[in-house]
N, C-alpha and C. Protein backbone atom coordinates (compact mmCIF):
# COMPACT_ATOMS: atom_id res chain seq x y z
N MET A 1 131.90 60.80 82.67
CA MET A 1 130.74 61.63 82.45
C MET A 1 130.55 62.54 83.67
N ILE A 2 130.21 63.77 83.43
CA ILE A 2 130.01 64.75 84.50
C ILE A 2 128.54 64.73 84.92
N ALA A 3 128.32 64.62 86.20
CA ALA A 3 126.94 64.61 86.71
C ALA A 3 126.56 66.03 87.14
N PHE A 4 125.41 66.47 86.67
CA PHE A 4 124.91 67.79 87.03
C PHE A 4 123.75 67.65 87.99
N SER A 5 123.76 68.45 88.99
CA SER A 5 122.65 68.48 89.93
C SER A 5 121.91 69.80 89.76
N LEU A 6 120.65 69.71 89.43
CA LEU A 6 119.85 70.92 89.24
C LEU A 6 119.05 71.28 90.48
N ALA A 7 119.40 70.69 91.59
CA ALA A 7 118.72 71.04 92.84
C ALA A 7 119.11 72.47 93.23
N PRO A 8 118.13 73.29 93.56
CA PRO A 8 118.45 74.69 93.89
C PRO A 8 119.28 74.78 95.16
N THR A 9 120.31 75.58 95.09
CA THR A 9 121.17 75.81 96.24
C THR A 9 120.90 77.21 96.79
N ALA A 10 121.58 77.55 97.86
CA ALA A 10 121.38 78.87 98.47
C ALA A 10 121.77 79.98 97.51
N SER A 11 122.78 79.75 96.71
CA SER A 11 123.20 80.80 95.77
C SER A 11 122.13 81.08 94.72
N TRP A 12 121.38 80.06 94.32
CA TRP A 12 120.29 80.28 93.37
C TRP A 12 119.24 81.21 93.97
N TYR A 13 118.89 80.95 95.22
CA TYR A 13 117.89 81.78 95.87
C TYR A 13 118.39 83.20 96.10
N LEU A 14 119.68 83.34 96.39
CA LEU A 14 120.23 84.68 96.58
C LEU A 14 120.28 85.45 95.25
N VAL A 15 120.58 84.76 94.17
CA VAL A 15 120.55 85.40 92.85
C VAL A 15 119.12 85.79 92.49
N LEU A 16 118.17 84.91 92.75
CA LEU A 16 116.76 85.23 92.51
C LEU A 16 116.34 86.44 93.33
N SER A 17 116.77 86.49 94.57
CA SER A 17 116.46 87.62 95.43
C SER A 17 117.04 88.91 94.87
N ALA A 18 118.28 88.86 94.39
CA ALA A 18 118.90 90.05 93.81
C ALA A 18 118.19 90.50 92.54
N VAL A 19 117.76 89.54 91.72
CA VAL A 19 117.03 89.88 90.49
C VAL A 19 115.69 90.52 90.84
N LEU A 20 114.96 89.95 91.78
CA LEU A 20 113.68 90.53 92.19
C LEU A 20 113.86 91.93 92.77
N PHE A 21 114.91 92.11 93.57
CA PHE A 21 115.17 93.43 94.13
C PHE A 21 115.52 94.42 93.02
N GLY A 22 116.27 93.99 92.03
CA GLY A 22 116.61 94.86 90.91
C GLY A 22 115.38 95.24 90.09
N ILE A 23 114.49 94.29 89.86
CA ILE A 23 113.25 94.59 89.14
C ILE A 23 112.41 95.59 89.92
N GLY A 24 112.33 95.40 91.23
CA GLY A 24 111.58 96.34 92.06
C GLY A 24 112.18 97.72 92.05
N THR A 25 113.50 97.81 92.14
CA THR A 25 114.18 99.10 92.10
C THR A 25 113.95 99.79 90.76
N PHE A 26 114.07 99.03 89.68
CA PHE A 26 113.83 99.59 88.35
C PHE A 26 112.40 100.11 88.23
N GLY A 27 111.45 99.36 88.76
CA GLY A 27 110.05 99.78 88.70
C GLY A 27 109.79 101.05 89.48
N VAL A 28 110.42 101.19 90.65
CA VAL A 28 110.23 102.40 91.45
C VAL A 28 110.84 103.60 90.74
N LEU A 29 111.99 103.41 90.11
CA LEU A 29 112.67 104.53 89.47
C LEU A 29 112.02 104.95 88.15
N VAL A 30 111.41 104.01 87.44
CA VAL A 30 110.89 104.30 86.10
C VAL A 30 109.41 104.68 86.13
N ARG A 31 108.62 103.99 86.89
CA ARG A 31 107.17 104.21 86.89
C ARG A 31 106.79 105.43 87.72
N ARG A 32 105.73 106.11 87.31
CA ARG A 32 105.26 107.28 88.04
C ARG A 32 103.90 107.04 88.69
N ASN A 33 103.27 105.93 88.40
CA ASN A 33 101.98 105.61 89.01
C ASN A 33 102.22 105.14 90.44
N PRO A 34 101.60 105.78 91.43
CA PRO A 34 101.85 105.40 92.83
C PRO A 34 101.47 103.95 93.15
N LEU A 35 100.45 103.43 92.51
CA LEU A 35 100.05 102.05 92.77
C LEU A 35 101.12 101.07 92.28
N VAL A 36 101.66 101.32 91.11
CA VAL A 36 102.73 100.47 90.57
C VAL A 36 103.99 100.62 91.41
N MET A 37 104.29 101.83 91.82
CA MET A 37 105.47 102.06 92.68
C MET A 37 105.31 101.31 94.00
N PHE A 38 104.11 101.31 94.54
CA PHE A 38 103.84 100.61 95.79
C PHE A 38 104.05 99.10 95.62
N MET A 39 103.58 98.56 94.49
CA MET A 39 103.78 97.13 94.23
C MET A 39 105.26 96.80 94.05
N CYS A 40 106.01 97.70 93.44
CA CYS A 40 107.45 97.46 93.27
C CYS A 40 108.18 97.50 94.61
N ILE A 41 107.75 98.38 95.50
CA ILE A 41 108.35 98.42 96.84
C ILE A 41 108.06 97.12 97.58
N GLU A 42 106.85 96.60 97.43
CA GLU A 42 106.52 95.31 98.06
C GLU A 42 107.34 94.18 97.45
N LEU A 43 107.61 94.25 96.16
CA LEU A 43 108.46 93.24 95.52
C LEU A 43 109.87 93.29 96.10
N MET A 44 110.38 94.49 96.33
CA MET A 44 111.71 94.64 96.94
C MET A 44 111.71 94.08 98.36
N LEU A 45 110.65 94.33 99.09
CA LEU A 45 110.55 93.82 100.46
C LEU A 45 110.54 92.29 100.47
N ASN A 46 109.81 91.69 99.54
CA ASN A 46 109.77 90.23 99.47
C ASN A 46 111.11 89.65 99.01
N ALA A 47 111.85 90.38 98.19
CA ALA A 47 113.18 89.92 97.80
C ALA A 47 114.11 89.87 99.01
N VAL A 48 114.03 90.87 99.86
CA VAL A 48 114.84 90.87 101.08
C VAL A 48 114.41 89.73 102.00
N ASN A 49 113.11 89.49 102.09
CA ASN A 49 112.63 88.37 102.90
C ASN A 49 113.16 87.04 102.38
N LEU A 50 113.20 86.88 101.07
CA LEU A 50 113.73 85.65 100.49
C LEU A 50 115.20 85.47 100.85
N SER A 51 115.96 86.54 100.81
CA SER A 51 117.38 86.41 101.18
C SER A 51 117.54 86.10 102.66
N PHE A 52 116.69 86.69 103.52
CA PHE A 52 116.75 86.38 104.95
C PHE A 52 116.47 84.89 105.19
N VAL A 53 115.44 84.37 104.56
CA VAL A 53 115.08 82.96 104.75
C VAL A 53 116.18 82.05 104.20
N THR A 54 116.74 82.42 103.06
CA THR A 54 117.81 81.62 102.47
C THR A 54 119.03 81.55 103.38
N LEU A 55 119.44 82.71 103.89
CA LEU A 55 120.61 82.72 104.76
C LEU A 55 120.32 82.03 106.10
N ALA A 56 119.11 82.17 106.60
CA ALA A 56 118.76 81.49 107.84
C ALA A 56 118.79 79.98 107.65
N ARG A 57 118.32 79.53 106.51
CA ARG A 57 118.34 78.09 106.22
C ARG A 57 119.77 77.59 106.04
N GLN A 58 120.57 78.39 105.38
CA GLN A 58 121.96 78.00 105.13
C GLN A 58 122.76 77.92 106.42
N LEU A 59 122.50 78.84 107.34
CA LEU A 59 123.24 78.89 108.60
C LEU A 59 122.57 78.08 109.71
N ASN A 60 121.45 77.43 109.41
CA ASN A 60 120.69 76.67 110.40
C ASN A 60 120.35 77.52 111.62
N ASP A 61 119.87 78.72 111.35
CA ASP A 61 119.53 79.66 112.41
C ASP A 61 118.08 80.09 112.22
N ILE A 62 117.31 80.08 113.28
CA ILE A 62 115.89 80.41 113.20
C ILE A 62 115.64 81.92 113.22
N ASN A 63 116.65 82.71 113.58
CA ASN A 63 116.46 84.16 113.72
C ASN A 63 116.05 84.83 112.41
N GLY A 64 116.60 84.38 111.29
CA GLY A 64 116.23 84.96 110.00
C GLY A 64 114.77 84.73 109.67
N GLN A 65 114.28 83.55 109.96
CA GLN A 65 112.87 83.25 109.70
C GLN A 65 111.96 84.02 110.65
N THR A 66 112.42 84.23 111.86
CA THR A 66 111.64 85.02 112.82
C THR A 66 111.53 86.47 112.36
N ILE A 67 112.63 87.01 111.87
CA ILE A 67 112.62 88.38 111.36
C ILE A 67 111.66 88.48 110.18
N VAL A 68 111.69 87.50 109.28
CA VAL A 68 110.80 87.52 108.12
C VAL A 68 109.34 87.49 108.57
N PHE A 69 109.03 86.71 109.59
CA PHE A 69 107.65 86.66 110.09
C PHE A 69 107.19 88.04 110.54
N PHE A 70 108.01 88.73 111.31
CA PHE A 70 107.62 90.05 111.79
C PHE A 70 107.60 91.08 110.66
N VAL A 71 108.49 90.96 109.70
CA VAL A 71 108.47 91.86 108.55
C VAL A 71 107.20 91.66 107.74
N MET A 72 106.75 90.42 107.60
CA MET A 72 105.51 90.16 106.87
C MET A 72 104.30 90.71 107.60
N VAL A 73 104.31 90.66 108.93
CA VAL A 73 103.20 91.24 109.70
C VAL A 73 103.15 92.74 109.50
N VAL A 74 104.30 93.39 109.57
CA VAL A 74 104.35 94.84 109.36
C VAL A 74 103.99 95.19 107.92
N ALA A 75 104.43 94.37 106.96
CA ALA A 75 104.11 94.62 105.56
C ALA A 75 102.62 94.49 105.29
N ALA A 76 101.95 93.58 105.98
CA ALA A 76 100.50 93.45 105.80
C ALA A 76 99.79 94.71 106.28
N ALA A 77 100.22 95.25 107.41
CA ALA A 77 99.63 96.50 107.89
C ALA A 77 99.96 97.65 106.94
N GLU A 78 101.16 97.65 106.40
CA GLU A 78 101.57 98.69 105.45
C GLU A 78 100.71 98.63 104.19
N VAL A 79 100.43 97.44 103.72
CA VAL A 79 99.61 97.28 102.52
C VAL A 79 98.20 97.82 102.76
N VAL A 80 97.64 97.51 103.91
CA VAL A 80 96.27 97.98 104.21
C VAL A 80 96.22 99.51 104.23
N VAL A 81 97.14 100.12 104.94
CA VAL A 81 97.13 101.58 105.06
C VAL A 81 97.53 102.23 103.74
N GLY A 82 98.61 101.74 103.12
CA GLY A 82 99.09 102.34 101.88
C GLY A 82 98.10 102.23 100.74
N LEU A 83 97.54 101.05 100.54
CA LEU A 83 96.55 100.90 99.46
C LEU A 83 95.30 101.70 99.74
N GLY A 84 94.91 101.79 101.00
CA GLY A 84 93.74 102.62 101.34
C GLY A 84 93.95 104.07 100.96
N ILE A 85 95.12 104.60 101.27
CA ILE A 85 95.42 105.99 100.93
C ILE A 85 95.49 106.18 99.42
N ILE A 86 96.18 105.28 98.74
CA ILE A 86 96.35 105.42 97.29
C ILE A 86 95.01 105.30 96.57
N VAL A 87 94.19 104.33 96.96
CA VAL A 87 92.89 104.16 96.31
C VAL A 87 91.98 105.35 96.59
N ALA A 88 92.01 105.89 97.81
CA ALA A 88 91.19 107.05 98.14
C ALA A 88 91.60 108.26 97.31
N ILE A 89 92.87 108.44 97.09
CA ILE A 89 93.33 109.57 96.28
C ILE A 89 92.99 109.35 94.81
N MET A 90 93.13 108.11 94.33
CA MET A 90 92.88 107.84 92.92
C MET A 90 91.39 107.91 92.57
N ARG A 91 90.52 107.77 93.56
CA ARG A 91 89.08 107.91 93.29
C ARG A 91 88.73 109.34 92.90
N ASN A 92 89.42 110.30 93.47
CA ASN A 92 89.12 111.70 93.21
C ASN A 92 89.75 112.21 91.92
N ARG A 93 90.67 111.47 91.36
CA ARG A 93 91.36 111.90 90.15
C ARG A 93 91.24 110.82 89.08
N SER A 94 91.18 111.24 87.84
CA SER A 94 91.11 110.25 86.76
C SER A 94 92.47 109.61 86.53
N SER A 95 93.52 110.40 86.62
CA SER A 95 94.87 109.85 86.50
C SER A 95 95.76 110.56 87.51
N MET A 96 96.76 109.84 87.98
CA MET A 96 97.61 110.41 89.02
C MET A 96 99.03 109.92 88.84
N THR A 97 99.98 110.81 89.13
CA THR A 97 101.39 110.43 89.14
C THR A 97 101.94 110.68 90.53
N ALA A 98 103.14 110.23 90.75
CA ALA A 98 103.77 110.42 92.05
C ALA A 98 104.01 111.90 92.34
N ASP A 99 104.15 112.70 91.29
CA ASP A 99 104.36 114.14 91.48
C ASP A 99 103.11 114.82 92.04
N ASP A 100 101.93 114.23 91.80
CA ASP A 100 100.69 114.81 92.32
C ASP A 100 100.56 114.63 93.83
N LEU A 101 101.34 113.74 94.41
CA LEU A 101 101.25 113.50 95.85
C LEU A 101 101.81 114.65 96.67
N THR A 102 102.51 115.58 96.03
CA THR A 102 103.03 116.73 96.77
C THR A 102 101.91 117.65 97.23
N GLU A 103 100.73 117.52 96.62
CA GLU A 103 99.58 118.33 97.03
C GLU A 103 99.02 117.89 98.37
N LEU A 104 99.46 116.75 98.89
CA LEU A 104 98.95 116.25 100.16
C LEU A 104 99.59 116.94 101.36
N LYS A 105 100.61 117.75 101.11
CA LYS A 105 101.27 118.43 102.23
C LYS A 105 100.28 119.36 102.91
N GLY A 106 100.30 119.36 104.25
CA GLY A 106 99.32 120.13 105.01
C GLY A 106 99.79 121.45 105.47
């Protein structure tokens, strides 16, 4: 009888990371709403973080987890600034697409 182990391995997490990154890329390319595009970019960023943590765990190296910590700190600041700008612009308009952001040029 063949024994199957369903314990997640590093390859499972790397495949999950690739799938999440693909979903995020598809969302950025297909959607025109800046808020949805912003969320898809954050999904892509978290997919990369997952792969960093997976590889750091696989190689028994703390550097990958340290990089993820700093990326998450920068991403938190990015979310605050990015969402603030997007929400401020969307308040003035009933609907907005990414093409409307070209009007922000000074």
